[in-house]
Amino acid sequence: MTKVVLIGAGSTSFSPSVVADMARNPDLQDATLTMVDVDAKILGVVARIAGRIVAAHGSGLRIEATTDREEALRGARFVITTFAVGGAQAWDVDVEIPKSYGISMPVGDTVGPGGLSRALRHIPLLVEIARDMERLCPSAHLFNYTNPLTVLVRAVRKATTIDAVGLCAGPELTRTQFADFVGIPRPELEVHGAGVNHCFWLLDARHHGVDVYPRARELARRPDWPAPPAEDTGYHRMWPAAGTRPFVAQLLDSLGYFPGPWDRHVTEFFPEFFPDGPMADERYGLQSYPVRQIVERKARQRDYFDQQADERNPLDPALAHGRVGHSEEVVGVIASVVKNRGLRQFGNVPNRGLVPNLPPETIVEVPLTFGAYGWRATQGGDLPPSVLPWLARRVAAYELTVEAALTGDRRIALQALLADGWVKGTATAGRLLDDLLRAQARFLPRFA
């Protein structure tokens, strides 16, 4: 029997889709999914919905739910993490405090002051989970979705012996966005790439064996962006406002390569392109992520999920088939390990020469193959000289972030914030950091 543990199972944007994917996967019909969350109430709601989804598919998948993490981890073969310490309210603080200093980030969950704040909250918890795994299921695979993904995986690898891999749909989204950009049917575009999570670079792109980069670079010089494709790309479609030139197109023009996934994440890696601080919404059609609207929407959605948990109400077919929220690719990865399918999928793992011109200890996003052996990485190759400096600086800042989160050292956290590049001057950085530490103090016991 395959035991899968989902930590952060109270996530209504993730858990129902994971359940639906597992329930209809023929390779996982004898599996057990143990759902864990600190909020017993929302966990109960999601667990009841999970039971209804399993029944709707006539699946053999077994559902368990508990608030006891240690109990859940005993005997686990796979652990999936998708949690948010402080929830959307803490995320709102990550975005709003930097905004008061003139730093308006589109997402604020990966880099910049918001990414640092989020990392300081999330790294200690993920390392605690990994240390529990060392005692209770030392050979289990840990698949992490929690952001900022790169530093979380690096922290687990630095502090424990657990086989942690970061998973994200970003590379595949980058491929489909590039296919739309150059006007090639998505299934026909073959790519190879490497980078770090949320700043992934297509290093080679071919259509029937022909290099399409010359055509793409010519298109990148256009002052506008092509019309969006007829095919709906769901919540990941982030087409800019009419008449604006996407930031990824500017980077393709200036650096020669296409990054992803899309402007909202990629812009946050390039503070030098925004010398006035804000993200210059009028140039790129960007707006700050509507965190407060997300908080309000989640409150409204609670009634929907309460109704779906009640067996007296008909089950929404969209919920039953995994179309409410998103599960990304983790279920296929687990099935490939269980049945030795050899699935190819991008993932985030220790570099160890996969991208030779980045430090060996950093976590890189490269092609992986998953099977009974676990995972094997494909060489990403050197980053081009035009791209390398931006990521080299970033991974150096990541190392400081990891050390600050593990030690609770404010001095190192300040160094990480300065190395990040968004805050100019030690005095301003110190004030901003202290504002974040005070606002998130109840989630940061190491900094007390």
Protein backbone atom coordinates (compact mmCIF):
# COMPACT_ATOMS: atom_id res chain seq x y z
CA MET A 1 0.00 0.00 0.00
CA THR A 2 1.25 3.47 -0.91
CA LYS A 3 0.82 6.08 1.81
CA VAL A 4 0.77 9.72 0.70
CA VAL A 5 0.69 12.49 3.31
CA LEU A 6 -0.62 15.92 2.33
CA ILE A 7 0.42 18.64 4.80
CA GLY A 8 -1.62 21.79 4.43
CA ALA A 9 -4.64 19.76 3.39
CA GLY A 10 -7.00 22.53 4.45
CA SER A 11 -6.08 24.32 1.22
CA THR A 12 -9.29 24.45 -0.79
CA SER A 13 -7.31 25.60 -3.84
CA PHE A 14 -5.09 22.49 -3.85
CA SER A 15 -6.45 19.52 -1.89
CA PRO A 16 -9.69 18.74 -3.80
CA SER A 17 -7.77 18.56 -7.08
CA VAL A 18 -5.11 16.29 -5.60
CA VAL A 19 -7.87 13.98 -4.37
CA ALA A 20 -9.60 13.98 -7.77
CA ASP A 21 -6.32 13.26 -9.57
CA MET A 22 -5.47 10.39 -7.22
CA ALA A 23 -9.00 8.96 -7.33
CA ARG A 24 -8.95 8.59 -11.10
CA ASN A 25 -5.32 7.46 -11.43
CA PRO A 26 -5.31 3.68 -12.05
CA ASP A 27 -1.86 3.31 -10.50
CA LEU A 28 -2.99 4.66 -7.11
CA GLN A 29 -6.20 2.76 -6.45
CA ASP A 30 -4.73 1.00 -3.40
CA ALA A 31 -3.16 4.18 -1.97
CA THR A 32 -3.95 5.98 1.27
CA LEU A 33 -4.04 9.78 1.33
CA THR A 34 -3.56 11.12 4.85
CA MET A 35 -4.59 14.76 5.08
CA VAL A 36 -2.98 16.94 7.78
CA ASP A 37 -3.77 20.47 8.90
CA VAL A 38 -3.58 22.47 12.14
CA ASP A 39 -7.10 23.81 11.55
CA ALA A 40 -9.36 20.90 12.48
CA LYS A 41 -12.50 22.62 11.22
CA ILE A 42 -11.41 23.30 7.66
CA LEU A 43 -9.63 19.93 7.58
CA GLY A 44 -12.93 18.24 8.41
CA VAL A 45 -14.68 20.08 5.60
CA VAL A 46 -12.04 19.18 3.02
CA ALA A 47 -11.88 15.57 4.21
CA ARG A 48 -15.63 15.15 3.78
CA ILE A 49 -15.38 16.63 0.29
CA ALA A 50 -12.49 14.24 -0.44
CA GLY A 51 -14.65 11.30 0.58
CA ARG A 52 -17.40 12.43 -1.76
CA ILE A 53 -14.94 12.83 -4.66
CA VAL A 54 -13.54 9.33 -4.09
CA ALA A 55 -17.06 7.87 -3.99
CA ALA A 56 -18.03 9.71 -7.18
CA HIS A 57 -15.15 8.00 -9.02
CA GLY A 58 -15.77 4.59 -7.44
CA SER A 59 -12.11 4.67 -6.43
CA GLY A 60 -10.27 2.43 -3.98
CA LEU A 61 -8.35 5.44 -2.64
CA ARG A 62 -8.52 5.59 1.14
CA ILE A 63 -8.84 9.00 2.85
CA GLU A 64 -7.59 9.77 6.36
CA ALA A 65 -7.54 13.12 8.18
CA THR A 66 -5.68 14.14 11.32
CA THR A 67 -4.18 17.17 13.05
CA ASP A 68 -1.40 14.93 14.44
CA ARG A 69 1.52 15.30 12.05
CA GLU A 70 3.64 12.60 13.68
CA GLU A 71 0.82 10.09 13.49
CA ALA A 72 0.35 10.91 9.81
CA LEU A 73 4.02 10.61 8.87
CA ARG A 74 4.58 7.11 10.26
CA GLY A 75 5.04 4.78 7.31
CA ALA A 76 4.65 7.49 4.66
CA ARG A 77 6.22 6.91 1.26
CA PHE A 78 5.45 10.38 -0.11
CA VAL A 79 4.91 13.71 1.64
CA ILE A 80 3.44 16.73 -0.14
CA THR A 81 3.72 20.16 1.49
CA THR A 82 1.51 23.10 0.56
CA PHE A 83 1.03 25.29 3.61
CA ALA A 84 0.91 29.01 4.34
CA VAL A 85 1.93 30.15 7.82
CA GLY A 86 -0.39 33.01 8.72
CA GLY A 87 -2.52 32.42 5.65
CA ALA A 88 -3.46 35.10 3.16
CA GLN A 89 -3.55 37.71 5.93
CA ALA A 90 0.20 37.30 6.54
CA TRP A 91 0.78 37.43 2.78
CA ASP A 92 -1.11 40.72 2.71
CA VAL A 93 1.36 42.11 5.28
CA ASP A 94 4.28 40.91 3.10
CA VAL A 95 2.90 42.98 0.22
CA GLU A 96 1.56 46.08 1.98
CA ILE A 97 4.54 46.98 4.20
CA PRO A 98 7.03 47.08 1.29
CA LYS A 99 4.45 49.11 -0.66
CA SER A 100 4.65 51.79 2.02
CA TYR A 101 8.37 52.06 1.15
CA GLY A 102 7.60 52.47 -2.57
CA ILE A 103 8.21 48.80 -3.43
CA SER A 104 5.13 47.46 -5.20
CA MET A 105 5.57 43.77 -6.01
CA PRO A 106 3.15 41.94 -8.32
CA VAL A 107 3.15 38.76 -6.18
CA GLY A 108 5.61 39.16 -3.32
CA ASP A 109 5.98 35.45 -2.47
CA THR A 110 9.39 34.58 -3.96
CA VAL A 111 11.92 37.43 -3.83
CA GLY A 112 12.01 41.02 -2.60
CA PRO A 113 11.05 41.99 0.97
CA GLY A 114 7.85 39.95 0.75
CA GLY A 115 9.69 36.83 -0.38
CA LEU A 116 12.16 37.21 2.49
CA SER A 117 9.37 37.64 5.04
CA ARG A 118 7.57 34.58 3.72
CA ALA A 119 10.77 32.54 3.78
CA LEU A 120 11.45 33.44 7.42
CA ARG A 121 7.98 32.08 8.33
CA HIS A 122 8.03 28.97 6.15
CA ILE A 123 11.57 27.59 6.36
CA PRO A 124 11.44 26.66 10.08
CA LEU A 125 8.17 24.75 9.66
CA LEU A 126 9.31 22.81 6.60
CA VAL A 127 12.58 21.90 8.34
CA GLU A 128 10.57 20.70 11.36
CA ILE A 129 8.49 18.51 9.06
CA ALA A 130 11.65 17.12 7.45
CA ARG A 131 13.16 16.35 10.86
CA ASP A 132 9.99 14.48 11.79
CA MET A 133 10.39 12.55 8.53
CA GLU A 134 13.97 11.63 9.49
CA ARG A 135 12.55 9.83 12.57
CA LEU A 136 9.30 8.47 11.16
CA CYS A 137 9.75 7.88 7.41
CA PRO A 138 13.41 8.58 6.53
CA SER A 139 13.25 7.12 3.02
CA ALA A 140 10.09 9.00 2.00
CA HIS A 141 10.15 11.54 -0.83
CA LEU A 142 9.22 15.12 0.05
CA PHE A 143 7.54 17.12 -2.72
CA ASN A 144 7.27 20.78 -1.78
CA TYR A 145 4.96 23.34 -3.38
CA THR A 146 5.18 25.99 -0.67
CA ASN A 147 6.78 29.30 -1.69
CA PRO A 148 9.41 30.60 -1.81
CA LEU A 149 10.13 27.17 -3.20
CA THR A 150 13.86 27.43 -3.94
CA VAL A 151 14.95 28.50 -0.46
CA LEU A 152 12.63 26.03 1.25
CA VAL A 153 14.08 23.08 -0.64
CA ARG A 154 17.60 24.40 -0.02
CA ALA A 155 16.92 24.71 3.72
CA VAL A 156 15.68 21.11 3.98
CA ARG A 157 18.68 19.86 2.01
CA LYS A 158 21.05 21.91 4.19
CA ALA A 159 19.55 20.99 7.58
CA THR A 160 18.34 17.39 7.06
CA THR A 161 18.92 14.22 5.06
CA ILE A 162 15.45 14.16 3.48
CA ASP A 163 15.11 13.86 -0.30
CA ALA A 164 13.26 17.12 -0.94
CA VAL A 165 12.20 18.10 -4.47
CA GLY A 166 10.38 21.30 -5.40
CA LEU A 167 7.59 21.00 -7.95
CA CYS A 168 6.01 23.85 -9.91
CA ALA A 169 4.10 24.22 -13.16
CA GLY A 170 6.25 27.23 -14.11
CA PRO A 171 8.54 25.59 -16.72
CA GLU A 172 5.65 24.02 -18.61
CA LEU A 173 3.77 27.33 -18.53
CA THR A 174 6.88 29.04 -19.89
CA ARG A 175 6.95 26.57 -22.78
CA THR A 176 3.28 27.12 -23.67
CA GLN A 177 3.61 30.89 -23.39
CA PHE A 178 6.61 30.83 -25.73
CA ALA A 179 4.70 28.62 -28.18
CA ASP A 180 1.86 31.16 -28.21
CA PHE A 181 4.35 33.98 -28.68
CA VAL A 182 5.99 32.45 -31.76
CA GLY A 183 2.70 31.06 -33.13
CA ILE A 184 3.55 27.36 -32.89
CA PRO A 185 1.01 24.75 -31.76
CA ARG A 186 1.86 23.99 -28.15
CA PRO A 187 2.33 20.21 -28.54
CA GLU A 188 4.84 20.78 -31.36
CA LEU A 189 7.31 22.99 -29.47
CA GLU A 190 10.26 21.14 -27.95
CA VAL A 191 12.32 22.99 -25.36
CA HIS A 192 15.21 22.59 -22.99
CA GLY A 193 15.81 24.96 -20.11
CA ALA A 194 17.17 25.64 -16.65
CA GLY A 195 17.11 28.31 -13.96
CA VAL A 196 15.62 28.79 -10.52
CA ASN A 197 11.98 28.59 -9.55
CA HIS A 198 9.92 31.49 -10.94
CA CYS A 199 12.86 32.59 -13.09
CA PHE A 200 13.25 29.69 -15.50
CA TRP A 201 14.93 30.19 -18.90
CA LEU A 202 14.30 28.43 -22.19
CA LEU A 203 17.84 27.75 -23.41
CA ASP A 204 16.79 25.92 -26.58
CA ALA A 205 13.47 25.87 -28.46
CA ARG A 206 12.77 23.90 -31.65
CA HIS A 207 9.87 23.18 -33.98
CA HIS A 208 10.35 19.95 -35.94
CA GLY A 209 14.06 20.25 -35.20
CA VAL A 210 14.37 23.88 -36.42
CA ASP A 211 15.67 26.50 -33.98
CA VAL A 212 12.86 29.04 -33.44
CA TYR A 213 14.87 31.51 -31.37
CA PRO A 214 15.89 33.69 -34.37
CA ARG A 215 12.22 34.19 -35.18
CA ALA A 216 11.37 34.82 -31.51
CA ARG A 217 14.07 37.46 -31.14
CA GLU A 218 12.74 39.25 -34.19
CA LEU A 219 9.21 39.18 -32.73
CA ALA A 220 10.51 40.49 -29.40
CA ARG A 221 11.46 43.78 -31.05
CA ARG A 222 7.79 44.48 -31.75
CA PRO A 223 6.27 47.27 -29.69
CA ASP A 224 3.21 45.20 -28.75
CA TRP A 225 2.23 41.63 -27.90
CA PRO A 226 0.24 39.23 -30.11
CA ALA A 227 -3.43 38.66 -29.35
CA PRO A 228 -4.07 36.00 -26.68
CA PRO A 229 -4.72 32.46 -27.95
CA ALA A 230 -8.26 31.19 -28.29
CA GLU A 231 -7.44 28.32 -25.94
CA ASP A 232 -8.12 29.25 -22.34
CA THR A 233 -5.03 28.84 -20.15
CA GLY A 234 -7.04 29.29 -16.97
CA TYR A 235 -5.84 31.35 -14.06
CA HIS A 236 -2.30 31.34 -15.48
CA ARG A 237 -3.29 33.55 -18.40
CA MET A 238 -1.73 36.91 -17.58
CA TRP A 239 -1.86 38.80 -20.84
CA PRO A 240 -0.82 42.44 -20.41
CA ALA A 241 -3.08 45.38 -21.02
CA ALA A 242 -3.76 46.29 -24.64
CA GLY A 243 -0.89 48.14 -26.27
CA THR A 244 1.71 47.22 -23.64
CA ARG A 245 4.90 45.26 -24.18
CA PRO A 246 5.40 42.33 -21.79
CA PHE A 247 8.47 42.34 -19.58
CA VAL A 248 9.45 38.84 -20.76
CA ALA A 249 9.53 40.18 -24.32
CA GLN A 250 11.83 42.99 -23.21
CA LEU A 251 14.14 40.46 -21.56
CA LEU A 252 14.12 38.30 -24.70
CA ASP A 253 15.11 41.39 -26.68
CA SER A 254 17.79 42.61 -24.26
CA LEU A 255 19.23 39.32 -22.93
CA GLY A 256 18.44 37.03 -25.88
CA TYR A 257 16.45 34.35 -24.03
CA PHE A 258 12.86 33.84 -22.90
CA PRO A 259 12.14 33.50 -19.15
CA GLY A 260 9.04 32.47 -17.28
CA PRO A 261 6.56 31.92 -15.79
CA TRP A 262 5.22 35.20 -17.06
CA ASP A 263 5.72 38.81 -16.04
CA ARG A 264 4.29 38.72 -12.53
CA HIS A 265 7.01 36.45 -11.19
CA VAL A 266 9.86 37.31 -13.53
CA THR A 267 9.80 41.08 -12.96
CA GLU A 268 10.53 40.55 -9.28
CA PHE A 269 13.98 39.17 -10.14
CA PHE A 270 15.06 42.37 -11.93
CA PRO A 271 14.94 45.39 -9.58
CA GLU A 272 17.46 47.25 -11.77
CA PHE A 273 14.81 47.53 -14.49
CA PHE A 274 12.60 49.50 -12.09
CA PRO A 275 14.82 52.26 -10.68
CA ASP A 276 11.82 54.20 -9.37
CA GLY A 277 10.73 51.30 -7.13
CA PRO A 278 7.18 50.49 -8.28
CA MET A 279 6.70 47.99 -11.05
CA ALA A 280 5.76 50.60 -13.65
CA ASP A 281 2.31 49.17 -14.24
CA GLU A 282 1.63 51.44 -17.20
CA ARG A 283 4.54 49.93 -19.16
CA TYR A 284 3.82 46.25 -18.57
CA GLY A 285 0.15 46.13 -17.68
CA LEU A 286 1.08 44.74 -14.26
CA GLN A 287 -0.79 45.25 -11.04
CA SER A 288 0.02 44.10 -7.54
CA TYR A 289 -1.48 40.72 -6.75
CA PRO A 290 -4.90 41.36 -5.19
CA VAL A 291 -4.09 39.69 -1.87
CA ARG A 292 -6.89 41.41 0.02
CA GLN A 293 -9.35 40.37 -2.65
CA ILE A 294 -8.10 36.79 -2.26
CA VAL A 295 -8.79 36.94 1.47
CA GLU A 296 -12.32 38.18 0.78
CA ARG A 297 -12.90 35.59 -1.96
CA LYS A 298 -11.80 32.75 0.31
CA ALA A 299 -14.29 33.91 2.92
CA ARG A 300 -17.06 33.87 0.30
CA GLN A 301 -15.98 30.44 -0.96
CA ARG A 302 -16.29 28.94 2.50
CA ASP A 303 -20.06 28.64 2.07
CA TYR A 304 -19.52 26.76 -1.21
CA PHE A 305 -17.18 24.23 0.39
CA ASP A 306 -19.43 23.81 3.43
CA GLN A 307 -22.28 22.97 1.05
CA GLN A 308 -20.12 20.53 -0.92
CA ALA A 309 -19.11 18.76 2.27
CA ASP A 310 -22.79 18.07 3.03
CA GLU A 311 -23.93 14.81 1.41
CA ARG A 312 -27.48 16.13 1.20
CA ASN A 313 -26.34 18.48 -1.58
CA PRO A 314 -25.36 17.30 -5.07
CA LEU A 315 -21.62 17.21 -5.66
CA ASP A 316 -20.42 19.84 -8.12
CA PRO A 317 -19.06 17.96 -11.21
CA ALA A 318 -16.28 20.55 -11.54
CA LEU A 319 -15.14 19.75 -8.01
CA ALA A 320 -15.38 16.00 -8.59
CA HIS A 321 -13.15 16.22 -11.68
CA GLY A 322 -10.46 18.44 -10.19
CA ARG A 323 -11.42 21.64 -11.98
CA VAL A 324 -11.79 23.69 -8.80
CA GLY A 325 -8.34 24.86 -7.77
CA HIS A 326 -5.16 23.29 -9.10
CA SER A 327 -3.09 20.20 -8.33
CA GLU A 328 -0.27 20.71 -10.80
CA GLU A 329 1.75 17.54 -11.53
CA VAL A 330 2.53 15.82 -8.22
CA VAL A 331 0.06 12.93 -8.60
CA GLY A 332 1.60 11.89 -11.93
CA VAL A 333 5.05 12.05 -10.35
CA ILE A 334 3.99 9.81 -7.45
CA ALA A 335 2.38 7.30 -9.81
CA SER A 336 5.53 7.25 -11.94
CA VAL A 337 7.67 6.39 -8.91
CA VAL A 338 5.23 3.71 -7.73
CA LYS A 339 4.98 2.03 -11.15
CA ASN A 340 8.41 2.99 -12.56
CA ARG A 341 6.87 4.90 -15.49
CA GLY A 342 9.85 7.13 -16.25
CA LEU A 343 7.84 10.36 -16.31
CA ARG A 344 9.78 13.44 -17.44
CA GLN A 345 8.96 16.56 -15.49
CA PHE A 346 10.81 19.71 -14.45
CA GLY A 347 11.74 19.88 -10.79
CA ASN A 348 13.92 21.74 -8.30
CA VAL A 349 16.90 19.81 -6.93
CA PRO A 350 20.50 20.43 -5.76
CA ASN A 351 22.69 21.70 -8.57
CA ARG A 352 25.77 19.47 -8.21
CA GLY A 353 27.00 20.44 -11.65
CA LEU A 354 23.65 20.40 -13.44
CA VAL A 355 24.11 24.10 -14.20
CA PRO A 356 27.92 24.29 -14.03
CA ASN A 357 28.21 28.06 -13.75
CA LEU A 358 25.97 28.26 -10.65
CA PRO A 359 27.18 27.18 -7.17
CA PRO A 360 26.86 23.41 -6.51
CA GLU A 361 24.73 23.84 -3.38
CA THR A 362 21.99 25.98 -4.92
CA ILE A 363 18.62 24.54 -5.95
CA VAL A 364 18.09 24.62 -9.71
CA GLU A 365 15.04 23.97 -11.87
CA VAL A 366 15.97 21.37 -14.49
CA PRO A 367 14.41 18.38 -16.32
CA LEU A 368 13.96 15.30 -14.10
CA THR A 369 12.87 11.75 -14.80
CA PHE A 370 10.85 9.99 -12.08
CA GLY A 371 10.78 6.22 -11.60
CA ALA A 372 11.25 3.45 -9.04
CA TYR A 373 14.74 4.83 -8.40
CA GLY A 374 13.24 8.17 -7.31
CA TRP A 375 14.47 10.87 -9.67
CA ARG A 376 17.31 11.45 -12.06
CA ALA A 377 18.28 14.87 -13.37
CA THR A 378 19.15 15.91 -16.91
CA GLN A 379 22.06 18.30 -17.36
CA GLY A 380 20.72 21.84 -17.70
CA GLY A 381 23.97 23.25 -19.06
CA ASP A 382 25.65 26.59 -18.50
CA LEU A 383 23.46 29.65 -18.33
CA PRO A 384 24.26 32.13 -21.12
CA PRO A 385 26.60 35.00 -20.14
CA SER A 386 23.75 37.50 -20.53
CA VAL A 387 21.56 35.60 -18.05
CA LEU A 388 24.13 34.32 -15.54
CA PRO A 389 24.78 37.53 -13.50
CA TRP A 390 21.10 37.96 -12.60
CA LEU A 391 20.74 34.45 -11.20
CA ALA A 392 24.20 34.31 -9.60
CA ARG A 393 23.34 37.34 -7.49
CA ARG A 394 19.97 35.87 -6.65
CA VAL A 395 21.23 32.49 -5.43
CA ALA A 396 23.80 34.25 -3.23
CA ALA A 397 20.96 36.17 -1.57
CA TYR A 398 19.06 32.89 -1.17
CA GLU A 399 21.91 31.42 0.87
CA LEU A 400 21.72 34.35 3.27
CA THR A 401 17.94 33.97 3.50
CA VAL A 402 18.23 30.28 4.42
CA GLU A 403 20.84 31.00 7.09
CA ALA A 404 18.77 33.84 8.56
CA ALA A 405 15.67 31.65 8.78
CA LEU A 406 17.55 28.74 10.37
CA THR A 407 19.32 30.88 12.96
CA GLY A 408 16.92 33.77 13.63
CA ASP A 409 19.80 36.20 13.12
CA ARG A 410 18.49 39.68 12.24
CA ARG A 411 21.91 40.75 10.96
CA ILE A 412 21.94 37.97 8.36
CA ALA A 413 18.32 38.73 7.43
CA LEU A 414 19.36 42.34 6.79
CA GLN A 415 22.25 41.14 4.64
CA ALA A 416 19.81 39.00 2.65
CA LEU A 417 17.48 41.96 2.13
CA LEU A 418 20.34 44.17 0.92
CA ALA A 419 21.69 41.45 -1.39
CA ASP A 420 18.19 41.00 -2.87
CA GLY A 421 18.49 44.39 -4.59
CA TRP A 422 15.04 45.91 -4.06
CA VAL A 423 15.91 48.05 -1.04
CA LYS A 424 18.54 50.75 -1.38
CA GLY A 425 20.56 51.75 1.68
CA THR A 426 21.15 50.02 5.00
CA ALA A 427 19.02 52.46 7.00
CA THR A 428 15.94 51.98 4.83
CA ALA A 429 16.49 48.23 4.69
CA GLY A 430 16.79 48.08 8.47
CA ARG A 431 13.54 49.96 9.01
CA LEU A 432 11.66 47.86 6.47
CA LEU A 433 12.98 44.61 7.92
CA ASP A 434 12.03 45.64 11.46
CA ASP A 435 8.52 46.59 10.30
CA LEU A 436 8.10 43.13 8.77
CA LEU A 437 9.55 41.34 11.81
CA ARG A 438 7.23 43.22 14.18
CA ALA A 439 4.15 42.67 12.03
CA GLN A 440 4.87 38.92 11.69
CA ALA A 441 6.33 38.44 15.19
CA ARG A 442 3.90 35.74 16.29
CA PHE A 443 5.04 33.59 13.35
CA LEU A 444 8.76 34.24 13.91
CA PRO A 445 9.73 32.91 17.36
CA ARG A 446 13.39 32.62 16.31
CA PHE A 447 13.56 36.42 15.99
CA ALA A 448 12.01 37.17 19.40
